[in-house]
Amino acid sequence: MYTADQALARLLAGNERFMRGKARFPTVRKGALATLAKGQKPYATIIGCSDSRVPPELLFDAGFGELFIIRVAGNVISAEVMGTLQYAAVHLRTPLFVVLGHEGCGAVQAALATMFHGERQRNRIAKLLRSIIPGLKGIRAGRNTPARLDAAVEANVRWSMHQLLETPEVKARGNESGMKLVGAVYELTTGRVRVLA
């Protein structure tokens, strides 16, 4: 079993292999699938965006059974996502939880358009955007620039983290459980996963 810091180091080493073109995924060792069929013991849980350009298993060069992945547009936190995260904490005991946003996130871009330009979306998309908008309160109105979208993506990751840190379960456990929550942003143009300070 890994500590949270060891799990993070393993993720970042995998991302380094991915960026250098030295990824080992998706090789499967002989007998590995039979072993995995008996149960899973992932070393990290990733809550990320559904964007097709951001598959965590590839970005972190992780094999079968190594990561527990939750993907939803804009990496929003909902009751279903919270239940899945709680399952990962209680039953899978993953030590590391990562909120993974990415450059050019369409959901965050749509939330900005709704906030600043009054753009309207279909009902269910609008509901999704309402989950993102509170985290963008610090973003100022102005021109649609890549820098503003980058700031909004980072703010959205921090908003998701804030929501998780405010849950009664996380508050009750504090740091006693050895679990760690980290925010990160995937850079589409470089392949790098940047951990937020």
Protein backbone atom coordinates (compact mmCIF):
# COMPACT_ATOMS: atom_id res chain seq x y z
CA MET A 1 0.00 0.00 0.00
CA TYR A 2 1.25 3.47 -0.88
CA THR A 3 1.21 6.62 1.22
CA ALA A 4 -0.45 9.66 -0.36
CA ASP A 5 2.96 11.21 -1.12
CA GLN A 6 4.23 7.99 -2.71
CA ALA A 7 1.05 7.75 -4.79
CA LEU A 8 1.50 11.34 -6.01
CA ALA A 9 5.14 10.67 -6.90
CA ARG A 10 4.03 7.59 -8.85
CA LEU A 11 1.41 9.61 -10.77
CA LEU A 12 3.92 12.31 -11.66
CA ALA A 13 6.54 9.75 -12.73
CA GLY A 14 3.92 8.20 -15.01
CA ASN A 15 3.10 11.62 -16.45
CA GLU A 16 6.80 12.19 -17.10
CA ARG A 17 6.99 8.89 -19.04
CA PHE A 18 3.89 9.91 -21.00
CA MET A 19 5.39 13.29 -21.95
CA ARG A 20 8.68 11.69 -23.05
CA GLY A 21 6.88 9.11 -25.21
CA LYS A 22 8.08 6.26 -22.98
CA ALA A 23 4.69 5.16 -21.64
CA ARG A 24 4.29 1.47 -20.80
CA PHE A 25 0.48 1.41 -20.78
CA PRO A 26 -1.57 -0.66 -21.75
CA THR A 27 0.59 -3.73 -21.34
CA VAL A 28 -0.89 -6.46 -19.17
CA ARG A 29 1.33 -8.93 -17.34
CA LYS A 30 0.43 -12.59 -17.60
CA GLY A 31 -2.16 -13.46 -14.98
CA ALA A 32 -2.78 -9.81 -14.06
CA LEU A 33 -6.39 -9.78 -15.23
CA ALA A 34 -7.18 -12.91 -13.23
CA THR A 35 -5.69 -11.27 -10.14
CA LEU A 36 -7.62 -8.04 -10.77
CA ALA A 37 -10.86 -9.99 -11.11
CA LYS A 38 -10.55 -10.84 -7.40
CA GLY A 39 -10.62 -7.19 -6.32
CA GLN A 40 -9.20 -3.75 -6.84
CA LYS A 41 -6.63 -1.80 -4.84
CA PRO A 42 -6.05 1.46 -6.74
CA TYR A 43 -3.40 3.77 -5.30
CA ALA A 44 -5.18 7.00 -6.33
CA THR A 45 -8.66 8.31 -7.05
CA ILE A 46 -8.98 10.89 -9.83
CA ILE A 47 -11.98 13.17 -10.30
CA GLY A 48 -11.56 14.62 -13.77
CA CYS A 49 -13.37 16.09 -16.72
CA SER A 50 -15.06 13.92 -19.33
CA ASP A 51 -13.09 15.61 -22.13
CA SER A 52 -11.91 12.95 -24.61
CA ARG A 53 -8.45 14.53 -24.73
CA VAL A 54 -7.84 13.95 -21.01
CA PRO A 55 -7.84 10.19 -20.22
CA PRO A 56 -6.17 9.88 -16.77
CA GLU A 57 -4.92 6.32 -17.29
CA LEU A 58 -2.90 7.47 -20.31
CA LEU A 59 -1.75 10.81 -18.86
CA PHE A 60 -0.38 9.06 -15.79
CA ASP A 61 0.78 5.94 -17.67
CA ALA A 62 -1.19 3.76 -15.26
CA GLY A 63 -2.20 0.17 -15.84
CA PHE A 64 -5.30 -1.83 -15.07
CA GLY A 65 -6.44 -1.54 -11.46
CA GLU A 66 -4.07 1.30 -10.53
CA LEU A 67 -6.44 4.29 -10.66
CA PHE A 68 -10.05 4.76 -9.61
CA ILE A 69 -11.49 7.28 -12.09
CA ILE A 70 -14.54 9.51 -11.81
CA ARG A 71 -15.20 11.67 -14.87
CA VAL A 72 -17.84 14.33 -15.36
CA ALA A 73 -17.84 17.50 -17.47
CA GLY A 74 -16.06 20.28 -15.62
CA ASN A 75 -15.01 17.87 -12.85
CA VAL A 76 -18.06 19.08 -10.92
CA ILE A 77 -18.95 17.78 -7.49
CA SER A 78 -22.46 16.31 -7.23
CA ALA A 79 -24.16 13.91 -4.84
CA GLU A 80 -23.29 11.00 -7.14
CA VAL A 81 -19.67 12.05 -7.37
CA MET A 82 -19.52 12.48 -3.58
CA GLY A 83 -20.92 8.98 -3.10
CA THR A 84 -18.34 7.55 -5.48
CA LEU A 85 -15.53 9.39 -3.69
CA GLN A 86 -16.80 8.14 -0.35
CA TYR A 87 -16.74 4.59 -1.72
CA ALA A 88 -13.11 5.09 -2.79
CA ALA A 89 -12.19 6.37 0.67
CA VAL A 90 -14.07 3.84 2.77
CA HIS A 91 -13.92 0.64 0.72
CA LEU A 92 -10.90 1.06 -1.55
CA ARG A 93 -8.86 3.13 0.92
CA THR A 94 -7.03 5.05 -1.76
CA PRO A 95 -4.64 7.41 0.01
CA LEU A 96 -4.58 10.06 -2.73
CA PHE A 97 -7.46 12.01 -4.27
CA VAL A 98 -6.76 14.28 -7.24
CA VAL A 99 -9.10 16.87 -8.77
CA LEU A 100 -7.84 17.09 -12.36
CA GLY A 101 -8.89 20.03 -14.51
CA HIS A 102 -7.50 20.79 -17.95
CA GLU A 103 -6.66 23.66 -20.27
CA GLY A 104 -9.42 24.73 -22.62
CA CYS A 105 -12.22 23.14 -20.56
CA GLY A 106 -15.46 23.65 -22.49
CA ALA A 107 -17.63 23.42 -19.37
CA VAL A 108 -15.66 26.19 -17.65
CA GLN A 109 -15.73 28.25 -20.85
CA ALA A 110 -19.52 27.84 -21.03
CA ALA A 111 -19.84 28.86 -17.36
CA LEU A 112 -17.88 32.04 -18.10
CA ALA A 113 -20.11 32.76 -21.12
CA THR A 114 -23.18 32.32 -18.93
CA MET A 115 -21.78 34.59 -16.20
CA PHE A 116 -20.50 37.40 -18.35
CA HIS A 117 -22.45 37.26 -21.59
CA GLY A 118 -25.79 35.84 -20.49
CA GLU A 119 -25.49 32.84 -22.81
CA ARG A 120 -28.26 30.33 -22.27
CA GLN A 121 -27.83 26.57 -22.40
CA ARG A 122 -30.21 23.65 -22.48
CA ASN A 123 -31.70 22.76 -19.10
CA ARG A 124 -29.32 19.99 -18.00
CA ILE A 125 -26.22 21.78 -19.26
CA ALA A 126 -27.36 24.89 -17.39
CA LYS A 127 -27.67 22.79 -14.23
CA LEU A 128 -24.10 21.55 -14.70
CA LEU A 129 -22.85 25.11 -15.19
CA ARG A 130 -24.60 26.23 -11.99
CA SER A 131 -22.27 23.81 -10.18
CA ILE A 132 -19.21 25.56 -11.66
CA ILE A 133 -20.18 29.25 -11.47
CA PRO A 134 -19.79 29.72 -7.67
CA GLY A 135 -16.11 28.82 -7.98
CA LEU A 136 -15.55 31.49 -10.63
CA LYS A 137 -16.57 34.48 -8.50
CA GLY A 138 -12.99 35.80 -8.46
CA ILE A 139 -12.74 35.85 -12.26
CA ARG A 140 -13.26 39.34 -13.66
CA ALA A 141 -15.33 40.24 -16.68
CA GLY A 142 -13.40 41.20 -19.75
CA ARG A 143 -12.08 39.83 -22.99
CA ASN A 144 -12.18 36.10 -23.58
CA THR A 145 -8.46 35.38 -23.42
CA PRO A 146 -6.58 32.12 -22.90
CA ALA A 147 -5.15 33.58 -19.66
CA ARG A 148 -8.65 34.24 -18.29
CA LEU A 149 -9.79 30.73 -19.19
CA ASP A 150 -6.65 29.27 -17.58
CA ALA A 151 -7.39 31.21 -14.39
CA ALA A 152 -11.00 30.01 -14.46
CA VAL A 153 -9.95 26.36 -14.94
CA GLU A 154 -7.66 26.62 -11.93
CA ALA A 155 -10.39 28.35 -9.91
CA ASN A 156 -12.80 25.55 -10.82
CA VAL A 157 -10.33 22.89 -9.60
CA ARG A 158 -9.93 24.79 -6.33
CA TRP A 159 -13.73 25.11 -6.05
CA SER A 160 -14.14 21.33 -6.40
CA MET A 161 -11.45 20.82 -3.76
CA HIS A 162 -13.14 23.32 -1.44
CA GLN A 163 -16.44 21.48 -1.71
CA LEU A 164 -14.75 18.20 -0.82
CA LEU A 165 -12.86 19.71 2.12
CA GLU A 166 -16.11 21.12 3.51
CA THR A 167 -17.85 17.74 3.76
CA PRO A 168 -18.56 16.44 7.27
CA GLU A 169 -16.60 13.24 6.51
CA VAL A 170 -13.43 15.09 5.56
CA LYS A 171 -13.75 17.55 8.43
CA ALA A 172 -14.24 14.70 10.92
CA ARG A 173 -11.22 12.78 9.68
CA GLY A 174 -8.84 15.69 9.30
CA ASN A 175 -5.35 14.41 8.52
CA GLU A 176 -5.61 11.35 10.78
CA SER A 177 -6.48 8.96 7.95
CA GLY A 178 -3.36 9.61 5.86
CA MET A 179 -5.50 10.66 2.89
CA LYS A 180 -4.47 13.64 0.78
CA LEU A 181 -6.40 15.85 -1.65
CA VAL A 182 -4.47 17.51 -4.50
CA GLY A 183 -5.54 19.79 -7.33
CA ALA A 184 -3.92 19.63 -10.76
CA VAL A 185 -4.32 20.97 -14.29
CA TYR A 186 -3.49 19.05 -17.47
CA GLU A 187 -1.80 21.13 -20.16
CA LEU A 188 -3.25 20.04 -23.51
CA THR A 189 -0.36 21.42 -25.54
CA THR A 190 2.50 19.84 -23.53
CA GLY A 191 0.95 16.75 -21.93
CA ARG A 192 2.17 17.91 -18.53
CA VAL A 193 0.08 17.60 -15.37
CA ARG A 194 0.80 20.62 -13.18
CA VAL A 195 0.07 20.19 -9.47
CA LEU A 196 -1.43 23.32 -7.90
CA ALA A 197 0.34 24.82 -4.90
